[in-house]
Amino acid sequence: MLRTVANIIAAIAVMFLAFLGMVKVGGWYLDAEERQVRDGVKDPRTAILPVIDVIR
């Protein structure tokens, strides 16, 4: 019984950490995307988020 509860808690912890990892990586990717558009590496038309003030 105790082992089953521990396995369930461990599974929930792993899913939570995986979700946090996806959020962190997604935020990093979108942050890097804005920098790439501003540096001219990426085309602003293909950006996921609108980048404001690209052309100066």
Protein backbone atom coordinates (compact mmCIF):
# COMPACT_ATOMS: atom_id res chain seq x y z
CA MET A 1 0.00 0.00 0.00
CA LEU A 2 2.73 2.44 0.98
CA ARG A 3 4.73 1.58 -2.13
CA THR A 4 1.70 2.29 -4.34
CA VAL A 5 1.21 5.71 -2.74
CA ALA A 6 4.92 6.48 -3.14
CA ASN A 7 4.78 5.49 -6.83
CA ILE A 8 1.77 7.74 -7.42
CA ILE A 9 3.46 10.68 -5.69
CA ALA A 10 6.65 10.06 -7.70
CA ALA A 11 4.68 9.91 -10.96
CA ILE A 12 2.93 13.21 -10.15
CA ALA A 13 6.29 14.81 -9.29
CA VAL A 14 7.83 13.66 -12.58
CA MET A 15 4.87 15.00 -14.57
CA PHE A 16 5.08 18.33 -12.72
CA LEU A 17 8.82 18.63 -13.40
CA ALA A 18 8.27 17.78 -17.06
CA PHE A 19 5.60 20.47 -17.31
CA LEU A 20 7.89 23.04 -15.67
CA GLY A 21 10.65 22.08 -18.09
CA MET A 22 8.34 22.58 -21.07
CA VAL A 23 7.30 26.01 -19.78
CA LYS A 24 10.91 27.05 -19.18
CA VAL A 25 12.12 25.84 -22.59
CA GLY A 26 9.13 27.46 -24.31
CA GLY A 27 9.86 30.79 -22.64
CA TRP A 28 13.53 30.55 -23.56
CA TYR A 29 12.66 29.78 -27.17
CA LEU A 30 10.28 32.71 -27.49
CA ASP A 31 12.80 35.04 -25.84
CA ALA A 32 15.52 33.87 -28.22
CA GLU A 33 13.15 34.29 -31.16
CA GLU A 34 12.71 38.01 -30.50
CA ARG A 35 16.47 38.43 -30.31
CA GLN A 36 16.90 36.52 -33.58
CA VAL A 37 14.37 38.76 -35.34
CA ARG A 38 16.06 41.90 -34.07
CA ASP A 39 19.48 40.61 -35.15
CA GLY A 40 18.14 39.82 -38.61
CA VAL A 41 18.66 36.06 -38.30
CA LYS A 42 14.96 35.17 -38.45
CA ASP A 43 12.26 36.55 -40.73
CA PRO A 44 9.70 38.54 -38.69
CA ARG A 45 6.87 37.11 -40.80
CA THR A 46 7.58 33.62 -39.47
CA ALA A 47 7.84 34.63 -35.80
CA ILE A 48 5.40 33.03 -33.38
CA LEU A 49 4.90 36.22 -31.36
CA PRO A 50 4.64 39.63 -32.98
CA VAL A 51 7.88 41.54 -32.58
CA ILE A 52 7.32 45.25 -32.26
CA ASP A 53 9.82 47.87 -33.38
CA VAL A 54 11.94 45.57 -35.53
CA ILE A 55 12.87 48.11 -38.20
CA ARG A 56 14.74 51.14 -36.89
